[in-house]
PDB file of N, CA and C in Angstrom:
ATOM      1  N   MET A   1      87.936  81.320 189.721  1.00  0.00           N
ATOM      2  CA  MET A   1      87.065  82.069 188.836  1.00  0.00           C
ATOM      3  C   MET A   1      87.524  83.568 188.813  1.00  0.00           C
ATOM      4  N   ILE A   2      87.755  84.119 189.957  1.00  0.00           N
ATOM      5  CA  ILE A   2      88.124  85.551 189.971  1.00  0.00           C
ATOM      6  C   ILE A   2      89.391  85.788 189.300  1.00  0.00           C
ATOM      7  N   GLN A   3      90.376  84.919 189.418  1.00  0.00           N
ATOM      8  CA  GLN A   3      91.651  84.979 188.686  1.00  0.00           C
ATOM      9  C   GLN A   3      91.496  84.865 187.224  1.00  0.00           C
ATOM     10  N   THR A   4      90.586  84.077 186.714  1.00  0.00           N
ATOM     11  CA  THR A   4      90.228  83.957 185.299  1.00  0.00           C
ATOM     12  C   THR A   4      89.643  85.341 184.806  1.00  0.00           C
ATOM     13  N   LEU A   5      88.753  85.897 185.580  1.00  0.00           N
ATOM     14  CA  LEU A   5      88.160  87.120 185.140  1.00  0.00           C
ATOM     15  C   LEU A   5      89.239  88.218 185.116  1.00  0.00           C
ATOM     16  N   ASP A   6      90.108  88.204 186.047  1.00  0.00           N
ATOM     17  CA  ASP A   6      91.211  89.240 186.080  1.00  0.00           C
ATOM     18  C   ASP A   6      92.080  89.169 184.835  1.00  0.00           C
ATOM     19  N   VAL A   7      92.375  87.909 184.416  1.00  0.00           N
ATOM     20  CA  VAL A   7      93.161  87.650 183.225  1.00  0.00           C
ATOM     21  C   VAL A   7      92.473  88.062 181.974  1.00  0.00           C
ATOM     22  N   LEU A   8      91.168  87.706 181.969  1.00  0.00           N
ATOM     23  CA  LEU A   8      90.285  88.184 180.806  1.00  0.00           C
ATOM     24  C   LEU A   8      90.201  89.759 180.658  1.00  0.00           C
ATOM     25  N   ARG A   9      90.068  90.435 181.731  1.00  0.00           N
ATOM     26  CA  ARG A   9      90.034  91.900 181.814  1.00  0.00           C
ATOM     27  C   ARG A   9      91.330  92.486 181.404  1.00  0.00           C
ATOM     28  N   ARG A  10      92.342  91.926 181.887  1.00  0.00           N
ATOM     29  CA  ARG A  10      93.704  92.497 181.567  1.00  0.00           C
ATOM     30  C   ARG A  10      94.123  92.161 180.084  1.00  0.00           C
ATOM     31  N   GLU A  11      93.859  91.077 179.583  1.00  0.00           N
ATOM     32  CA  GLU A  11      94.329  90.554 178.301  1.00  0.00           C
ATOM     33  C   GLU A  11      93.514  90.823 177.061  1.00  0.00           C
ATOM     34  N   THR A  12      92.188  91.024 177.315  1.00  0.00           N
ATOM     35  CA  THR A  12      91.229  91.207 176.286  1.00  0.00           C
ATOM     36  C   THR A  12      91.218  92.622 175.831  1.00  0.00           C
ATOM     37  N   LYS A  13      91.600  92.816 174.512  1.00  0.00           N
ATOM     38  CA  LYS A  13      91.585  94.194 173.944  1.00  0.00           C
ATOM     39  C   LYS A  13      90.224  94.580 173.251  1.00  0.00           C
ATOM     40  N   VAL A  14      89.735  93.546 172.453  1.00  0.00           N
ATOM     41  CA  VAL A  14      88.581  93.818 171.761  1.00  0.00           C
ATOM     42  C   VAL A  14      87.728  92.569 171.826  1.00  0.00           C
ATOM     43  N   LEU A  15      86.445  92.576 171.903  1.00  0.00           N
ATOM     44  CA  LEU A  15      85.545  91.433 171.833  1.00  0.00           C
ATOM     45  C   LEU A  15      84.505  91.601 170.928  1.00  0.00           C
ATOM     46  N   THR A  16      84.456  90.794 169.862  1.00  0.00           N
ATOM     47  CA  THR A  16      83.369  90.895 168.792  1.00  0.00           C
ATOM     48  C   THR A  16      82.740  89.600 168.673  1.00  0.00           C
ATOM     49  N   PHE A  17      81.398  89.535 168.768  1.00  0.00           N
ATOM     50  CA  PHE A  17      80.648  88.368 168.651  1.00  0.00           C
ATOM     51  C   PHE A  17      80.224  88.004 167.174  1.00  0.00           C
ATOM     52  N   ASP A  18      79.887  89.228 166.500  1.00  0.00           N
ATOM     53  CA  ASP A  18      79.244  88.956 165.168  1.00  0.00           C
ATOM     54  C   ASP A  18      79.301  90.311 164.482  1.00  0.00           C
ATOM     55  N   GLN A  19      79.705  90.230 163.246  1.00  0.00           N
ATOM     56  CA  GLN A  19      79.787  91.410 162.393  1.00  0.00           C
ATOM     57  C   GLN A  19      78.637  91.568 161.342  1.00  0.00           C
ATOM     58  N   TYR A  20      77.973  90.531 161.125  1.00  0.00           N
ATOM     59  CA  TYR A  20      76.979  90.340 160.062  1.00  0.00           C
ATOM     60  C   TYR A  20      75.679  91.215 160.492  1.00  0.00           C
ATOM     61  N   GLY A  21      75.714  92.483 160.266  1.00  0.00           N
ATOM     62  CA  GLY A  21      74.642  93.363 160.597  1.00  0.00           C
ATOM     63  C   GLY A  21      74.542  93.858 162.020  1.00  0.00           C
ATOM     64  N   THR A  22      75.591  93.539 162.810  1.00  0.00           N
ATOM     65  CA  THR A  22      75.731  93.922 164.212  1.00  0.00           C
ATOM     66  C   THR A  22      76.681  95.124 164.274  1.00  0.00           C
ATOM     67  N   ILE A  23      77.844  95.022 163.769  1.00  0.00           N
ATOM     68  CA  ILE A  23      78.850  96.061 163.747  1.00  0.00           C
ATOM     69  C   ILE A  23      78.721  96.896 162.535  1.00  0.00           C
ATOM     70  N   VAL A  24      78.457  96.268 161.388  1.00  0.00           N
ATOM     71  CA  VAL A  24      78.348  97.077 160.157  1.00  0.00           C
ATOM     72  C   VAL A  24      76.916  97.050 159.652  1.00  0.00           C
ATOM     73  N   ASP A  25      76.527  98.125 159.004  1.00  0.00           N
ATOM     74  CA  ASP A  25      75.264  98.358 158.467  1.00  0.00           C
ATOM     75  C   ASP A  25      75.126  97.669 157.106  1.00  0.00           C
ATOM     76  N   MET A  26      74.894  96.315 157.140  1.00  0.00           N
ATOM     77  CA  MET A  26      74.902  95.595 155.825  1.00  0.00           C
ATOM     78  C   MET A  26      73.803  96.115 154.942  1.00  0.00           C
ATOM     79  N   GLN A  27      72.619  96.293 155.395  1.00  0.00           N
ATOM     80  CA  GLN A  27      71.429  96.546 154.506  1.00  0.00           C
ATOM     81  C   GLN A  27      71.696  97.884 153.785  1.00  0.00           C
ATOM     82  N   GLN A  28      71.858  98.924 154.579  1.00  0.00           N
ATOM     83  CA  GLN A  28      72.074 100.332 153.963  1.00  0.00           C
ATOM     84  C   GLN A  28      73.315 100.295 153.081  1.00  0.00           C
ATOM     85  N   GLY A  29      74.425  99.792 153.702  1.00  0.00           N
ATOM     86  CA  GLY A  29      75.740  99.935 152.956  1.00  0.00           C
ATOM     87  C   GLY A  29      75.665  99.214 151.579  1.00  0.00           C
ATOM     88  N   LEU A  30      75.132  97.980 151.579  1.00  0.00           N
ATOM     89  CA  LEU A  30      74.982  97.229 150.318  1.00  0.00           C
ATOM     90  C   LEU A  30      73.994  97.860 149.414  1.00  0.00           C
ATOM     91  N   THR A  31      72.867  98.397 149.928  1.00  0.00           N
ATOM     92  CA  THR A  31      71.943  98.986 149.114  1.00  0.00           C
ATOM     93  C   THR A  31      72.534 100.211 148.303  1.00  0.00           C
ATOM     94  N   GLU A  32      73.375 100.926 149.014  1.00  0.00           N
ATOM     95  CA  GLU A  32      74.070 102.071 148.425  1.00  0.00           C
ATOM     96  C   GLU A  32      75.051 101.605 147.339  1.00  0.00           C
ATOM     97  N   VAL A  33      75.623 100.444 147.480  1.00  0.00           N
ATOM     98  CA  VAL A  33      76.511  99.862 146.478  1.00  0.00           C
ATOM     99  C   VAL A  33      75.752  99.314 145.348  1.00  0.00           C
ATOM    100  N   VAL A  34      74.698  98.674 145.502  1.00  0.00           N
ATOM    101  CA  VAL A  34      73.946  98.024 144.395  1.00  0.00           C
ATOM    102  C   VAL A  34      73.037  98.930 143.581  1.00  0.00           C
ATOM    103  N   THR A  35      72.667  99.958 144.170  1.00  0.00           N
ATOM    104  CA  THR A  35      71.726 100.942 143.507  1.00  0.00           C
ATOM    105  C   THR A  35      72.317 101.402 142.154  1.00  0.00           C
ATOM    106  N   PRO A  36      73.515 101.948 142.072  1.00  0.00           N
ATOM    107  CA  PRO A  36      73.931 102.417 140.796  1.00  0.00           C
ATOM    108  C   PRO A  36      74.263 101.145 139.843  1.00  0.00           C
ATOM    109  N   PHE A  37      74.770 100.106 140.422  1.00  0.00           N
ATOM    110  CA  PHE A  37      75.033  98.900 139.695  1.00  0.00           C
ATOM    111  C   PHE A  37      73.745  98.405 138.971  1.00  0.00           C
ATOM    112  N   LEU A  38      72.682  98.267 139.764  1.00  0.00           N
ATOM    113  CA  LEU A  38      71.429  97.710 139.156  1.00  0.00           C
ATOM    114  C   LEU A  38      70.788  98.657 138.143  1.00  0.00           C
ATOM    115  N   LYS A  39      70.998 100.002 138.430  1.00  0.00           N
ATOM    116  CA  LYS A  39      70.500 100.947 137.410  1.00  0.00           C
ATOM    117  C   LYS A  39      71.216 100.779 136.117  1.00  0.00           C
ATOM    118  N   ARG A  40      72.480 100.550 136.169  1.00  0.00           N
ATOM    119  CA  ARG A  40      73.309 100.333 134.899  1.00  0.00           C
ATOM    120  C   ARG A  40      72.872  99.130 134.262  1.00  0.00           C
ATOM    121  N   LYS A  41      72.416  98.068 134.973  1.00  0.00           N
ATOM    122  CA  LYS A  41      71.996  96.827 134.419  1.00  0.00           C
ATOM    123  C   LYS A  41      70.559  96.943 133.834  1.00  0.00           C
ATOM    124  N   GLY A  42      69.917  98.103 134.134  1.00  0.00           N
ATOM    125  CA  GLY A  42      68.483  98.232 133.698  1.00  0.00           C
ATOM    126  C   GLY A  42      67.520  97.584 134.467  1.00  0.00           C
ATOM    127  N   TRP A  43      67.816  97.109 135.669  1.00  0.00           N
ATOM    128  CA  TRP A  43      66.828  96.496 136.543  1.00  0.00           C
ATOM    129  C   TRP A  43      66.008  97.557 137.226  1.00  0.00           C
ATOM    130  N   ASP A  44      64.677  97.377 137.155  1.00  0.00           N
ATOM    131  CA  ASP A  44      63.875  98.508 137.720  1.00  0.00           C
ATOM    132  C   ASP A  44      63.183  98.127 139.085  1.00  0.00           C
ATOM    133  N   GLY A  45      63.788  97.089 139.668  1.00  0.00           N
ATOM    134  CA  GLY A  45      63.323  96.679 140.998  1.00  0.00           C
ATOM    135  C   GLY A  45      63.798  97.539 142.116  1.00  0.00           C
ATOM    136  N   LYS A  46      63.445  97.261 143.365  1.00  0.00           N
ATOM    137  CA  LYS A  46      63.934  98.095 144.459  1.00  0.00           C
ATOM    138  C   LYS A  46      65.318  97.510 145.009  1.00  0.00           C
ATOM    139  N   PRO A  47      66.340  98.289 144.935  1.00  0.00           N
ATOM    140  CA  PRO A  47      67.603  97.867 145.352  1.00  0.00           C
ATOM    141  C   PRO A  47      67.634  97.276 146.781  1.00  0.00           C
ATOM    142  N   ASN A  48      66.874  97.763 147.676  1.00  0.00           N
ATOM    143  CA  ASN A  48      66.672  97.336 148.958  1.00  0.00           C
ATOM    144  C   ASN A  48      66.185  95.913 149.040  1.00  0.00           C
ATOM    145  N   ASN A  49      65.247  95.546 148.147  1.00  0.00           N
ATOM    146  CA  ASN A  49      64.749  94.187 148.088  1.00  0.00           C
ATOM    147  C   ASN A  49      65.903  93.246 147.549  1.00  0.00           C
ATOM    148  N   PHE A  50      66.645  93.682 146.540  1.00  0.00           N
ATOM    149  CA  PHE A  50      67.808  92.919 146.100  1.00  0.00           C
ATOM    150  C   PHE A  50      68.747  92.575 147.177  1.00  0.00           C
ATOM    151  N   VAL A  51      69.048  93.518 147.947  1.00  0.00           N
ATOM    152  CA  VAL A  51      69.976  93.298 149.028  1.00  0.00           C
ATOM    153  C   VAL A  51      69.369  92.376 150.158  1.00  0.00           C
ATOM    154  N   THR A  52      68.066  92.616 150.432  1.00  0.00           N
ATOM    155  CA  THR A  52      67.439  91.567 151.314  1.00  0.00           C
ATOM    156  C   THR A  52      67.488  90.157 150.876  1.00  0.00           C
ATOM    157  N   TRP A  53      67.216  90.021 149.547  1.00  0.00           N
ATOM    158  CA  TRP A  53      67.231  88.663 148.965  1.00  0.00           C
ATOM    159  C   TRP A  53      68.633  88.090 149.048  1.00  0.00           C
ATOM    160  N   TRP A  54      69.625  88.932 148.727  1.00  0.00           N
ATOM    161  CA  TRP A  54      71.001  88.518 148.794  1.00  0.00           C
ATOM    162  C   TRP A  54      71.407  88.005 150.156  1.00  0.00           C
ATOM    163  N   ARG A  55      71.084  88.777 151.217  1.00  0.00           N
ATOM    164  CA  ARG A  55      71.446  88.545 152.566  1.00  0.00           C
ATOM    165  C   ARG A  55      70.740  87.324 153.030  1.00  0.00           C
ATOM    166  N   ARG A  56      69.426  87.204 152.660  1.00  0.00           N
ATOM    167  CA  ARG A  56      68.647  85.992 153.201  1.00  0.00           C
ATOM    168  C   ARG A  56      69.192  84.778 152.531  1.00  0.00           C
ATOM    169  N   THR A  57      69.557  84.877 151.265  1.00  0.00           N
ATOM    170  CA  THR A  57      70.065  83.623 150.496  1.00  0.00           C
ATOM    171  C   THR A  57      71.466  83.267 151.122  1.00  0.00           C
ATOM    172  N   HIS A  58      72.281  84.255 151.402  1.00  0.00           N
ATOM    173  CA  HIS A  58      73.540  84.008 151.956  1.00  0.00           C
ATOM    174  C   HIS A  58      73.423  83.316 153.394  1.00  0.00           C
ATOM    175  N   PHE A  59      72.516  83.841 154.186  1.00  0.00           N
ATOM    176  CA  PHE A  59      72.216  83.349 155.499  1.00  0.00           C
ATOM    177  C   PHE A  59      71.782  81.898 155.471  1.00  0.00           C
ATOM    178  N   GLU A  60      70.742  81.657 154.530  1.00  0.00           N
ATOM    179  CA  GLU A  60      70.188  80.311 154.416  1.00  0.00           C
ATOM    180  C   GLU A  60      71.266  79.260 154.036  1.00  0.00           C
ATOM    181  N   ASN A  61      72.077  79.744 152.957  1.00  0.00           N
ATOM    182  CA  ASN A  61      73.150  78.918 152.490  1.00  0.00           C
ATOM    183  C   ASN A  61      74.137  78.571 153.508  1.00  0.00           C
ATOM    184  N   SER A  62      74.486  79.662 154.253  1.00  0.00           N
ATOM    185  CA  SER A  62      75.484  79.408 155.378  1.00  0.00           C
ATOM    186  C   SER A  62      74.955  78.365 156.361  1.00  0.00           C
ATOM    187  N   MET A  63      73.725  78.491 156.734  1.00  0.00           N
ATOM    188  CA  MET A  63      73.120  77.520 157.695  1.00  0.00           C
ATOM    189  C   MET A  63      72.981  76.165 157.218  1.00  0.00           C
ATOM    190  N   ILE A  64      72.656  76.004 155.936  1.00  0.00           N
ATOM    191  CA  ILE A  64      72.646  74.672 155.256  1.00  0.00           C
ATOM    192  C   ILE A  64      74.062  74.047 155.206  1.00  0.00           C
ATOM    193  N   ASP A  65      75.017  74.954 154.884  1.00  0.00           N
ATOM    194  CA  ASP A  65      76.445  74.393 154.837  1.00  0.00           C
ATOM    195  C   ASP A  65      76.896  73.962 156.288  1.00  0.00           C
ATOM    196  N   ALA A  66      76.545  74.686 157.225  1.00  0.00           N
ATOM    197  CA  ALA A  66      76.907  74.323 158.606  1.00  0.00           C
ATOM    198  C   ALA A  66      76.230  73.017 159.046  1.00  0.00           C
ATOM    199  N   LEU A  67      75.060  72.740 158.536  1.00  0.00           N
ATOM    200  CA  LEU A  67      74.335  71.567 158.968  1.00  0.00           C
ATOM    201  C   LEU A  67      74.741  70.265 158.187  1.00  0.00           C
ATOM    202  N   CYS A  68      75.157  70.462 156.972  1.00  0.00           N
ATOM    203  CA  CYS A  68      75.600  69.380 156.144  1.00  0.00           C
ATOM    204  C   CYS A  68      77.046  68.981 156.409  1.00  0.00           C
ATOM    205  N   ASP A  69      77.208  67.728 156.630  1.00  0.00           N
ATOM    206  CA  ASP A  69      78.549  67.287 157.044  1.00  0.00           C
ATOM    207  C   ASP A  69      79.446  67.027 155.750  1.00  0.00           C
ATOM    208  N   ARG A  70      79.739  68.153 155.003  1.00  0.00           N
ATOM    209  CA  ARG A  70      80.506  67.980 153.778  1.00  0.00           C
ATOM    210  C   ARG A  70      81.661  68.966 153.828  1.00  0.00           C
ATOM    211  N   GLY A  71      82.156  69.345 154.934  1.00  0.00           N
ATOM    212  CA  GLY A  71      83.207  70.254 155.023  1.00  0.00           C
ATOM    213  C   GLY A  71      82.736  71.711 154.976  1.00  0.00           C
ATOM    214  N   HIS A  72      83.588  72.642 155.375  1.00  0.00           N
ATOM    215  CA  HIS A  72      83.297  74.082 155.360  1.00  0.00           C
ATOM    216  C   HIS A  72      83.398  74.735 154.051  1.00  0.00           C
ATOM    217  N   THR A  73      82.401  75.540 153.600  1.00  0.00           N
ATOM    218  CA  THR A  73      82.411  76.299 152.420  1.00  0.00           C
ATOM    219  C   THR A  73      82.832  77.758 152.805  1.00  0.00           C
ATOM    220  N   PRO A  74      83.883  78.352 152.208  1.00  0.00           N
ATOM    221  CA  PRO A  74      84.288  79.642 152.662  1.00  0.00           C
ATOM    222  C   PRO A  74      83.137  80.777 152.536  1.00  0.00           C
ATOM    223  N   TYR A  75      83.140  81.703 153.329  1.00  0.00           N
ATOM    224  CA  TYR A  75      82.114  82.850 153.424  1.00  0.00           C
ATOM    225  C   TYR A  75      82.103  83.464 151.967  1.00  0.00           C
ATOM    226  N   ARG A  76      83.213  83.759 151.372  1.00  0.00           N
ATOM    227  CA  ARG A  76      83.144  84.405 149.969  1.00  0.00           C
ATOM    228  C   ARG A  76      82.494  83.615 148.984  1.00  0.00           C
ATOM    229  N   GLN A  77      82.717  82.221 148.997  1.00  0.00           N
ATOM    230  CA  GLN A  77      82.139  81.351 148.019  1.00  0.00           C
ATOM    231  C   GLN A  77      80.633  81.305 148.235  1.00  0.00           C
ATOM    232  N   ILE A  78      80.197  81.255 149.443  1.00  0.00           N
ATOM    233  CA  ILE A  78      78.721  81.337 149.730  1.00  0.00           C
ATOM    234  C   ILE A  78      78.169  82.667 149.205  1.00  0.00           C
ATOM    235  N   GLY A  79      78.936  83.729 149.384  1.00  0.00           N
ATOM    236  CA  GLY A  79      78.482  85.074 148.919  1.00  0.00           C
ATOM    237  C   GLY A  79      78.367  85.105 147.439  1.00  0.00           C
ATOM    238  N   HIS A  80      79.391  84.511 146.752  1.00  0.00           N
ATOM    239  CA  HIS A  80      79.264  84.486 145.261  1.00  0.00           C
ATOM    240  C   HIS A  80      77.999  83.761 144.836  1.00  0.00           C
ATOM    241  N   ARG A  81      77.770  82.598 145.443  1.00  0.00           N
ATOM    242  CA  ARG A  81      76.628  81.814 145.137  1.00  0.00           C
ATOM    243  C   ARG A  81      75.329  82.613 145.375  1.00  0.00           C
ATOM    244  N   ALA A  82      75.221  83.287 146.485  1.00  0.00           N
ATOM    245  CA  ALA A  82      74.115  84.023 146.752  1.00  0.00           C
ATOM    246  C   ALA A  82      73.823  85.227 145.844  1.00  0.00           C
ATOM    247  N   VAL A  83      74.803  85.884 145.449  1.00  0.00           N
ATOM    248  CA  VAL A  83      74.728  87.086 144.468  1.00  0.00           C
ATOM    249  C   VAL A  83      74.263  86.518 143.210  1.00  0.00           C
ATOM    250  N   SER A  84      74.894  85.472 142.756  1.00  0.00           N
ATOM    251  CA  SER A  84      74.582  84.895 141.476  1.00  0.00           C
ATOM    252  C   SER A  84      73.103  84.450 141.417  1.00  0.00           C
ATOM    253  N   TYR A  85      72.734  83.757 142.444  1.00  0.00           N
ATOM    254  CA  TYR A  85      71.336  83.204 142.510  1.00  0.00           C
ATOM    255  C   TYR A  85      70.330  84.370 142.400  1.00  0.00           C
ATOM    256  N   VAL A  86      70.574  85.470 143.143  1.00  0.00           N
ATOM    257  CA  VAL A  86      69.684  86.568 143.206  1.00  0.00           C
ATOM    258  C   VAL A  86      69.626  87.308 141.796  1.00  0.00           C
ATOM    259  N   MET A  87      70.793  87.445 141.179  1.00  0.00           N
ATOM    260  CA  MET A  87      70.774  88.096 139.880  1.00  0.00           C
ATOM    261  C   MET A  87      70.079  87.136 138.818  1.00  0.00           C
ATOM    262  N   ASP A  88      70.240  85.850 138.971  1.00  0.00           N
ATOM    263  CA  ASP A  88      69.551  84.886 138.102  1.00  0.00           C
ATOM    264  C   ASP A  88      68.013  85.178 138.315  1.00  0.00           C
ATOM    265  N   ARG A  89      67.617  85.230 139.518  1.00  0.00           N
ATOM    266  CA  ARG A  89      66.168  85.314 139.937  1.00  0.00           C
ATOM    267  C   ARG A  89      65.694  86.617 139.392  1.00  0.00           C
ATOM    268  N   CYS A  90      66.411  87.655 139.395  1.00  0.00           N
ATOM    269  CA  CYS A  90      66.058  89.038 138.821  1.00  0.00           C
ATOM    270  C   CYS A  90      66.260  89.093 137.357  1.00  0.00           C
ATOM    271  N   GLU A  91      66.701  88.069 136.720  1.00  0.00           N
ATOM    272  CA  GLU A  91      66.995  88.084 135.343  1.00  0.00           C
ATOM    273  C   GLU A  91      68.004  89.149 134.928  1.00  0.00           C
ATOM    274  N   ILE A  92      69.029  89.373 135.700  1.00  0.00           N
ATOM    275  CA  ILE A  92      70.042  90.363 135.468  1.00  0.00           C
ATOM    276  C   ILE A  92      71.230  89.593 134.851  1.00  0.00           C
ATOM    277  N   SER A  93      71.783  89.955 133.791  1.00  0.00           N
ATOM    278  CA  SER A  93      73.004  89.510 133.252  1.00  0.00           C
ATOM    279  C   SER A  93      74.176  89.902 133.996  1.00  0.00           C
ATOM    280  N   TYR A  94      75.173  89.133 134.209  1.00  0.00           N
ATOM    281  CA  TYR A  94      76.350  89.546 134.948  1.00  0.00           C
ATOM    282  C   TYR A  94      77.562  88.667 134.642  1.00  0.00           C
ATOM    283  N   THR A  95      78.755  89.138 134.988  1.00  0.00           N
ATOM    284  CA  THR A  95      79.876  88.379 134.768  1.00  0.00           C
ATOM    285  C   THR A  95      80.349  87.895 136.160  1.00  0.00           C
ATOM    286  N   PRO A  96      81.376  86.924 136.182  1.00  0.00           N
ATOM    287  CA  PRO A  96      81.940  86.514 137.325  1.00  0.00           C
ATOM    288  C   PRO A  96      82.666  87.635 138.098  1.00  0.00           C
ATOM    289  N   GLU A  97      83.234  88.557 137.357  1.00  0.00           N
ATOM    290  CA  GLU A  97      84.000  89.698 137.945  1.00  0.00           C
ATOM    291  C   GLU A  97      83.023  90.617 138.704  1.00  0.00           C
ATOM    292  N   GLU A  98      81.783  90.827 138.157  1.00  0.00           N
ATOM    293  CA  GLU A  98      80.771  91.647 138.796  1.00  0.00           C
ATOM    294  C   GLU A  98      80.381  90.996 140.125  1.00  0.00           C
ATOM    295  N   VAL A  99      80.197  89.776 140.126  1.00  0.00           N
ATOM    296  CA  VAL A  99      79.795  89.020 141.351  1.00  0.00           C
ATOM    297  C   VAL A  99      80.903  89.148 142.389  1.00  0.00           C
ATOM    298  N   SER A 100      82.099  88.965 141.888  1.00  0.00           N
ATOM    299  CA  SER A 100      83.253  89.074 142.895  1.00  0.00           C
ATOM    300  C   SER A 100      83.343  90.543 143.399  1.00  0.00           C
ATOM    301  N   TRP A 101      83.104  91.498 142.557  1.00  0.00           N
ATOM    302  CA  TRP A 101      83.225  92.929 142.970  1.00  0.00           C
ATOM    303  C   TRP A 101      82.147  93.181 144.080  1.00  0.00           C
ATOM    304  N   LEU A 102      80.868  92.772 143.732  1.00  0.00           N
ATOM    305  CA  LEU A 102      79.796  92.997 144.701  1.00  0.00           C
ATOM    306  C   LEU A 102      80.052  92.357 146.050  1.00  0.00           C
ATOM    307  N   VAL A 103      80.551  91.099 146.064  1.00  0.00           N
ATOM    308  CA  VAL A 103      80.803  90.429 147.380  1.00  0.00           C
ATOM    309  C   VAL A 103      81.954  91.128 147.976  1.00  0.00           C
ATOM    310  N   GLY A 104      83.034  91.624 147.281  1.00  0.00           N
ATOM    311  CA  GLY A 104      84.120  92.288 147.857  1.00  0.00           C
ATOM    312  C   GLY A 104      83.738  93.647 148.549  1.00  0.00           C
ATOM    313  N   GLU A 105      82.656  94.168 148.113  1.00  0.00           N
ATOM    314  CA  GLU A 105      82.191  95.470 148.702  1.00  0.00           C
ATOM    315  C   GLU A 105      81.785  95.326 150.212  1.00  0.00           C
ATOM    316  N   ILE A 106      81.477  94.133 150.582  1.00  0.00           N
ATOM    317  CA  ILE A 106      81.092  93.928 152.022  1.00  0.00           C
ATOM    318  C   ILE A 106      82.264  94.311 152.938  1.00  0.00           C
ATOM    319  N   GLU A 107      83.531  94.149 152.383  1.00  0.00           N
ATOM    320  CA  GLU A 107      84.659  94.367 153.253  1.00  0.00           C
ATOM    321  C   GLU A 107      84.904  95.914 153.446  1.00  0.00           C
ATOM    322  N   LYS A 108      84.237  96.751 152.698  1.00  0.00           N
ATOM    323  CA  LYS A 108      84.407  98.149 152.710  1.00  0.00           C
ATOM    324  C   LYS A 108      83.209  98.769 153.505  1.00  0.00           C
ATOM    325  N   LEU A 109      82.278  98.059 153.954  1.00  0.00           N
ATOM    326  CA  LEU A 109      81.158  98.624 154.701  1.00  0.00           C
ATOM    327  C   LEU A 109      81.595  99.411 156.030  1.00  0.00           C
ATOM    328  N   LYS A 110      80.901 100.364 156.303  1.00  0.00           N
ATOM    329  CA  LYS A 110      81.322 101.172 157.518  1.00  0.00           C
ATOM    330  C   LYS A 110      80.534 100.709 158.710  1.00  0.00           C
ATOM    331  N   PRO A 111      81.148 100.804 159.942  1.00  0.00           N
ATOM    332  CA  PRO A 111      80.475 100.317 161.114  1.00  0.00           C
ATOM    333  C   PRO A 111      79.344 101.363 161.522  1.00  0.00           C
ATOM    334  N   PHE A 112      78.385 100.837 162.308  1.00  0.00           N
ATOM    335  CA  PHE A 112      77.396 101.721 162.861  1.00  0.00           C
ATOM    336  C   PHE A 112      78.158 102.670 163.796  1.00  0.00           C
ATOM    337  N   PRO A 113      77.747 103.953 163.881  1.00  0.00           N
ATOM    338  CA  PRO A 113      78.490 104.877 164.694  1.00  0.00           C
ATOM    339  C   PRO A 113      78.765 104.421 166.186  1.00  0.00           C
ATOM    340  N   MET A 114      77.791 103.837 166.818  1.00  0.00           N
ATOM    341  CA  MET A 114      78.135 103.374 168.094  1.00  0.00           C
ATOM    342  C   MET A 114      79.076 102.239 168.257  1.00  0.00           C
ATOM    343  N   SER A 115      79.145 101.350 167.196  1.00  0.00           N
ATOM    344  CA  SER A 115      80.100 100.245 167.157  1.00  0.00           C
ATOM    345  C   SER A 115      81.586 100.845 167.123  1.00  0.00           C
ATOM    346  N   SER A 116      81.785 101.777 166.317  1.00  0.00           N
ATOM    347  CA  SER A 116      83.118 102.379 166.250  1.00  0.00           C
ATOM    348  C   SER A 116      83.572 103.088 167.555  1.00  0.00           C
ATOM    349  N   LEU A 117      82.542 103.742 168.168  1.00  0.00           N
ATOM    350  CA  LEU A 117      82.838 104.437 169.487  1.00  0.00           C
ATOM    351  C   LEU A 117      83.190 103.391 170.450  1.00  0.00           C
ATOM    352  N   ARG A 118      82.474 102.330 170.566  1.00  0.00           N
ATOM    353  CA  ARG A 118      82.672 101.380 171.604  1.00  0.00           C
ATOM    354  C   ARG A 118      83.881 100.595 171.405  1.00  0.00           C
ATOM    355  N   SER A 119      84.295 100.392 170.132  1.00  0.00           N
ATOM    356  CA  SER A 119      85.576  99.622 169.899  1.00  0.00           C
ATOM    357  C   SER A 119      86.742 100.496 170.354  1.00  0.00           C
ATOM    358  N   ARG A 120      86.669 101.843 170.291  1.00  0.00           N
ATOM    359  CA  ARG A 120      87.695 102.698 170.745  1.00  0.00           C
ATOM    360  C   ARG A 120      87.791 102.891 172.318  1.00  0.00           C
ATOM    361  N   ASN A 121      86.621 102.676 172.907  1.00  0.00           N
ATOM    362  CA  ASN A 121      86.504 102.809 174.372  1.00  0.00           C
ATOM    363  C   ASN A 121      86.152 101.467 174.998  1.00  0.00           C
ATOM    364  N   SER A 122      87.174 100.535 174.895  1.00  0.00           N
ATOM    365  CA  SER A 122      86.883  99.212 175.390  1.00  0.00           C
ATOM    366  C   SER A 122      87.200  98.916 176.831  1.00  0.00           C
ATOM    367  N   GLY A 123      87.532 100.011 177.624  1.00  0.00           N
ATOM    368  CA  GLY A 123      87.880  99.828 178.964  1.00  0.00           C
ATOM    369  C   GLY A 123      86.641  99.645 179.877  1.00  0.00           C
ATOM    370  N   PRO A 124      86.797  99.293 181.103  1.00  0.00           N
ATOM    371  CA  PRO A 124      85.677  99.038 182.036  1.00  0.00           C
ATOM    372  C   PRO A 124      84.838 100.381 182.084  1.00  0.00           C
ATOM    373  N   ARG A 125      83.484 100.066 182.225  1.00  0.00           N
ATOM    374  CA  ARG A 125      82.515 101.150 182.275  1.00  0.00           C
ATOM    375  C   ARG A 125      81.847 101.131 183.684  1.00  0.00           C
ATOM    376  N   ASP A 126      81.690 102.341 184.117  1.00  0.00           N
ATOM    377  CA  ASP A 126      80.767 102.515 185.349  1.00  0.00           C
ATOM    378  C   ASP A 126      79.377 102.499 184.993  1.00  0.00           C
ATOM    379  N   THR A 127      78.605 101.591 185.364  1.00  0.00           N
ATOM    380  CA  THR A 127      77.157 101.553 184.931  1.00  0.00           C
ATOM    381  C   THR A 127      76.316 101.898 186.088  1.00  0.00           C
ATOM    382  N   SER A 128      76.760 102.423 187.152  1.00  0.00           N
ATOM    383  CA  SER A 128      75.917 102.828 188.155  1.00  0.00           C
ATOM    384  C   SER A 128      75.308 104.213 188.053  1.00  0.00           C
TER     385      SER A 128
END
């Protein structure tokens, strides 16, 4: 066991469990992205609500996909479905290119300040 821990400490450079709202600020980042988009579309709802519905729909569809034994659906495809569903629900007209652009903006989100600091300082810490 000790030998395994030594190897892990020596060989592990970065350890990430989850990026969906843990490392990156999904809610604020996507709200900033969708706000001007929704304004151009003439939608007068709250952009924060739109993002919440998008994220919830994506999460629900991801869980359903994982529970159904029909093979894996790629993250991006689930994202496209979620954004399309929410825009339909909000009665917003859109193109496939706009859906693709919105989903692609997830890749540009910035990490929480502490996440980026911790990823640069991944060495052992003295917690005493």
